[in-house]
Every structure is written in structure tokens, then in C-alpha cells.
N, C-alpha and C. Protein backbone atom coordinates (compact mmCIF):
# COMPACT_ATOMS: atom_id res chain seq x y z
N MET A 1 26.35 -23.96 -32.15
CA MET A 1 25.91 -23.71 -33.40
C MET A 1 26.16 -22.06 -33.28
N SER A 2 26.69 -21.34 -35.00
CA SER A 2 27.12 -20.45 -35.14
C SER A 2 26.51 -19.31 -34.86
N ASP A 3 26.12 -17.97 -34.54
CA ASP A 3 24.99 -17.07 -34.77
C ASP A 3 25.20 -16.79 -36.06
N ALA A 4 25.99 -16.95 -37.10
CA ALA A 4 25.49 -16.63 -38.80
C ALA A 4 24.54 -17.45 -39.23
N VAL A 5 24.15 -18.72 -38.86
CA VAL A 5 23.37 -19.72 -39.20
C VAL A 5 21.94 -19.30 -38.93
N GLU A 6 21.22 -18.62 -40.04
CA GLU A 6 20.08 -18.01 -39.44
C GLU A 6 18.48 -19.00 -38.69
N ARG A 7 18.28 -18.39 -37.89
CA ARG A 7 17.14 -19.17 -37.44
C ARG A 7 15.57 -19.48 -38.63
N PRO A 8 15.78 -20.66 -38.49
CA PRO A 8 13.91 -21.27 -39.73
C PRO A 8 13.27 -20.27 -39.59
N GLU A 9 12.68 -20.11 -40.73
CA GLU A 9 11.67 -19.39 -40.61
C GLU A 9 9.82 -20.20 -39.95
N ALA A 10 10.30 -21.75 -40.56
CA ALA A 10 9.36 -22.23 -40.91
C ALA A 10 9.63 -23.79 -40.22
N CYS A 11 8.48 -24.10 -39.55
CA CYS A 11 8.44 -25.13 -39.06
C CYS A 11 7.48 -26.71 -39.05
N ASP A 12 7.56 -27.84 -39.10
CA ASP A 12 6.61 -28.43 -39.72
C ASP A 12 5.85 -29.09 -38.28
N ALA A 13 6.44 -28.92 -36.78
CA ALA A 13 5.93 -29.38 -36.15
C ALA A 13 6.31 -28.52 -34.75
N GLU A 14 5.98 -28.32 -33.53
CA GLU A 14 6.77 -27.40 -32.90
C GLU A 14 6.57 -28.54 -31.09
N LEU A 15 7.80 -29.01 -30.38
CA LEU A 15 7.15 -29.89 -28.62
C LEU A 15 7.85 -28.79 -27.99
N ASP A 16 6.95 -28.48 -26.94
CA ASP A 16 7.84 -27.83 -26.02
C ASP A 16 7.41 -28.73 -24.88
N ALA A 17 9.14 -28.60 -24.40
CA ALA A 17 9.60 -29.75 -23.74
C ALA A 17 10.33 -28.90 -22.12
N SER A 18 9.48 -27.36 -22.39
CA SER A 18 9.83 -26.52 -20.95
C SER A 18 9.55 -27.41 -19.58
N GLY A 19 10.24 -27.39 -18.27
CA GLY A 19 9.93 -28.01 -17.40
C GLY A 19 10.95 -29.40 -17.18
N LEU A 20 10.72 -29.79 -17.99
CA LEU A 20 11.24 -31.42 -18.46
C LEU A 20 13.00 -31.49 -18.20
N ASN A 21 13.18 -32.32 -17.94
CA ASN A 21 14.60 -32.76 -16.99
C ASN A 21 15.06 -33.72 -17.88
N CYS A 22 16.43 -34.23 -18.46
CA CYS A 22 17.03 -35.08 -18.95
C CYS A 22 16.48 -36.20 -18.31
N PRO A 23 16.79 -37.16 -19.18
CA PRO A 23 16.79 -37.34 -20.86
C PRO A 23 15.34 -36.71 -21.65
N LEU A 24 14.50 -36.74 -21.22
CA LEU A 24 12.68 -36.45 -21.10
C LEU A 24 13.16 -35.51 -22.49
N PRO A 25 13.56 -34.21 -22.63
CA PRO A 25 13.41 -33.52 -23.82
C PRO A 25 14.22 -34.20 -25.09
N LEU A 26 14.67 -34.83 -24.65
CA LEU A 26 15.37 -35.57 -26.23
C LEU A 26 14.53 -37.19 -26.28
N LEU A 27 14.05 -37.51 -25.47
CA LEU A 27 13.06 -38.59 -25.60
C LEU A 27 11.57 -38.25 -26.27
N LYS A 28 11.07 -37.02 -26.25
CA LYS A 28 10.20 -36.85 -26.16
C LYS A 28 9.84 -36.05 -27.95
N ALA A 29 11.24 -35.77 -28.25
CA ALA A 29 11.64 -34.86 -29.58
C ALA A 29 11.97 -36.00 -30.62
N LYS A 30 12.67 -37.58 -30.06
CA LYS A 30 12.51 -38.24 -30.70
C LYS A 30 11.05 -39.17 -30.91
N MET A 31 10.76 -38.97 -29.97
CA MET A 31 9.09 -39.99 -30.56
C MET A 31 8.41 -38.73 -31.40
N GLU A 32 8.28 -37.50 -31.02
CA GLU A 32 7.85 -36.82 -32.27
C GLU A 32 8.27 -36.70 -33.88
N LEU A 33 9.80 -36.36 -33.83
CA LEU A 33 10.52 -37.37 -35.01
C LEU A 33 10.11 -38.63 -35.78
N ASN A 34 9.79 -39.44 -34.93
CA ASN A 34 9.35 -40.61 -35.53
C ASN A 34 7.86 -40.55 -36.40
N ARG A 35 7.18 -39.12 -36.33
CA ARG A 35 5.62 -39.24 -36.34
C ARG A 35 6.07 -38.49 -37.62
N LEU A 36 7.53 -37.88 -38.09
CA LEU A 36 7.45 -36.58 -39.38
C LEU A 36 7.90 -37.22 -40.27
N ALA A 37 7.67 -36.94 -41.43
CA ALA A 37 8.30 -37.25 -42.67
C ALA A 37 10.11 -37.09 -42.59
N SER A 38 10.21 -37.79 -43.39
CA SER A 38 11.68 -37.37 -43.65
C SER A 38 11.75 -35.84 -44.65
N GLY A 39 12.68 -34.87 -43.80
CA GLY A 39 13.25 -33.47 -44.35
C GLY A 39 12.04 -32.57 -43.34
N ALA A 40 11.21 -33.02 -42.74
CA ALA A 40 10.61 -32.16 -42.16
C ALA A 40 11.00 -31.61 -40.86
N VAL A 41 10.85 -30.54 -40.66
CA VAL A 41 11.87 -29.27 -39.50
C VAL A 41 11.19 -29.40 -37.98
N LEU A 42 11.61 -29.93 -37.37
CA LEU A 42 11.03 -30.23 -35.81
C LEU A 42 11.13 -28.87 -35.16
N LYS A 43 10.72 -28.04 -33.99
CA LYS A 43 10.95 -26.85 -33.57
C LYS A 43 10.81 -27.26 -32.20
N VAL A 44 11.94 -27.44 -31.11
CA VAL A 44 12.00 -28.03 -29.98
C VAL A 44 12.36 -26.94 -28.58
N THR A 45 11.36 -26.33 -27.77
CA THR A 45 11.75 -25.47 -26.96
C THR A 45 12.13 -26.39 -25.55
N ALA A 46 12.91 -26.27 -24.64
CA ALA A 46 13.30 -27.11 -23.84
C ALA A 46 13.86 -25.90 -22.60
N THR A 47 13.95 -26.62 -21.30
CA THR A 47 14.63 -25.64 -20.47
C THR A 47 15.77 -26.25 -19.36
N ASP A 48 16.23 -27.07 -19.67
CA ASP A 48 17.19 -28.20 -19.30
C ASP A 48 18.27 -27.64 -20.05
N ALA A 49 18.93 -27.13 -19.38
CA ALA A 49 20.61 -27.03 -19.72
C ALA A 49 21.56 -27.88 -20.70
N GLY A 50 21.45 -29.16 -19.99
CA GLY A 50 22.01 -30.38 -20.66
C GLY A 50 21.36 -30.56 -21.79
N SER A 51 20.40 -29.74 -22.31
CA SER A 51 19.50 -30.70 -23.63
C SER A 51 20.09 -29.86 -24.42
N GLN A 52 21.20 -28.92 -24.44
CA GLN A 52 22.65 -28.45 -25.80
C GLN A 52 23.01 -29.89 -26.07
N ARG A 53 23.61 -30.50 -25.30
CA ARG A 53 24.79 -31.38 -25.12
C ARG A 53 24.27 -32.41 -25.94
N ASP A 54 22.69 -32.98 -25.42
CA ASP A 54 21.85 -33.83 -25.85
C ASP A 54 21.67 -33.60 -27.19
N PHE A 55 21.18 -32.71 -27.57
CA PHE A 55 20.48 -32.48 -29.18
C PHE A 55 21.56 -32.55 -30.18
N ARG A 56 23.00 -32.00 -29.66
CA ARG A 56 24.16 -31.74 -30.62
C ARG A 56 24.41 -33.40 -30.89
N THR A 57 24.71 -34.11 -30.02
CA THR A 57 25.08 -35.50 -30.05
C THR A 57 23.63 -36.12 -30.55
N PHE A 58 22.63 -36.35 -30.16
CA PHE A 58 21.89 -37.08 -30.58
C PHE A 58 21.66 -36.77 -32.71
N ALA A 59 21.23 -35.28 -33.00
CA ALA A 59 21.47 -35.20 -34.28
C ALA A 59 22.48 -35.70 -35.15
N ARG A 60 23.99 -35.48 -34.72
CA ARG A 60 24.82 -36.19 -35.54
C ARG A 60 25.28 -37.76 -35.42
N LEU A 61 24.43 -38.44 -34.11
CA LEU A 61 24.61 -40.09 -33.97
C LEU A 61 23.40 -40.27 -35.18
N ALA A 62 22.00 -39.73 -34.73
CA ALA A 62 21.23 -40.08 -35.68
C ALA A 62 20.98 -39.77 -37.12
N GLY A 63 21.85 -38.66 -37.69
CA GLY A 63 21.59 -38.28 -38.79
C GLY A 63 20.83 -37.40 -39.35
N HIS A 64 19.86 -37.01 -37.93
CA HIS A 64 19.63 -35.67 -38.21
C HIS A 64 20.51 -34.14 -38.53
N GLU A 65 19.58 -33.72 -38.82
CA GLU A 65 20.63 -32.01 -38.86
C GLU A 65 20.20 -30.83 -38.33
N LEU A 66 20.94 -30.41 -37.19
CA LEU A 66 20.60 -29.67 -36.48
C LEU A 66 20.52 -28.51 -37.03
N LEU A 67 19.85 -27.26 -37.53
CA LEU A 67 19.70 -26.42 -38.64
C LEU A 67 20.09 -25.45 -37.60
N HIS A 68 19.85 -25.23 -36.32
CA HIS A 68 19.48 -23.89 -35.60
C HIS A 68 20.03 -24.22 -34.17
N GLU A 69 20.64 -23.37 -33.19
CA GLU A 69 19.95 -23.40 -32.07
C GLU A 69 20.40 -22.21 -31.10
N GLU A 70 19.40 -21.91 -30.28
CA GLU A 70 19.94 -20.55 -29.36
C GLU A 70 19.12 -20.97 -28.10
N VAL A 71 19.80 -19.34 -27.53
CA VAL A 71 19.60 -19.94 -25.97
C VAL A 71 19.24 -17.98 -25.38
N ASP A 72 18.23 -18.00 -24.65
CA ASP A 72 18.15 -16.80 -24.33
C ASP A 72 17.18 -16.85 -22.69
N ALA A 73 17.92 -16.36 -22.03
CA ALA A 73 17.07 -16.33 -20.42
C ALA A 73 16.60 -17.77 -20.33
N GLY A 74 17.87 -18.84 -20.30
CA GLY A 74 17.54 -20.49 -19.89
C GLY A 74 16.35 -21.01 -20.59
N ILE A 75 16.51 -20.27 -22.07
CA ILE A 75 15.31 -21.05 -22.77
C ILE A 75 15.92 -21.68 -24.36
N TYR A 76 16.44 -22.77 -24.56
CA TYR A 76 16.72 -23.20 -24.86
C TYR A 76 16.19 -24.04 -26.44
N ARG A 77 16.10 -23.05 -27.48
CA ARG A 77 15.58 -23.55 -28.83
C ARG A 77 15.84 -24.11 -29.90
N TYR A 78 16.03 -25.64 -30.40
CA TYR A 78 16.18 -26.09 -31.37
C TYR A 78 15.76 -26.27 -32.10
N TRP A 79 16.48 -26.48 -34.00
CA TRP A 79 15.51 -26.58 -35.16
C TRP A 79 16.32 -27.98 -35.84
N LEU A 80 15.24 -28.87 -35.85
CA LEU A 80 16.47 -30.41 -36.42
C LEU A 80 15.08 -30.70 -37.71
N ARG A 81 16.07 -31.28 -38.43
CA ARG A 81 15.44 -31.52 -39.80
C ARG A 81 15.93 -32.93 -39.67
N LYS A 82 14.70 -33.60 -39.91
CA LYS A 82 14.36 -34.80 -39.71
C LYS A 82 15.32 -35.92 -41.37
N ALA A 83 16.14 -36.69 -40.59
CA ALA A 83 17.05 -37.48 -42.20
C ALA A 83 15.71 -38.38 -42.57
């Protein structure tokens, strides 16, 4: 995603999937999204480099909106808005 898209200031829930390998960060995020209402924003933190591909594909296929993603020193953060 482009850096021009600003990071959301608020989220409705946060998930720390640090230290988990593929596919666990995505599976845990999917479970957390299932608990949230439509339109809610979930922030996910992961350390698995493969999570970039996984979250982009998941958001597109599931109809969720990947609002923002960022990488800093091997830490991947994603903000997803539930469809």
C-alpha cells in the first residue's frame, strides 16, 4: 500500500500475532474479525514476512478493506475494516 494513505488513529480491537508463523496470524485475525461488527477496525501486529501477501489477499477475497499497512524493523502492522 502507498505511504500516502494515513495510518488510522483508532481501532476497535487489536491482535498481537508476533512470533507466530504462517498461517496463524491470518487465522487469528479471521477469528477476531468474526467477533467484530461490520465496519469495525482491527489492528494486527505480526512478525511473519509472509503476512504481507496473506493479509492483502485475504482482504481482497473476503471483501474487507485493508486500510493501511506498515513495516518497521521486521514488525508488520495492518489495519483492516470488516466488511
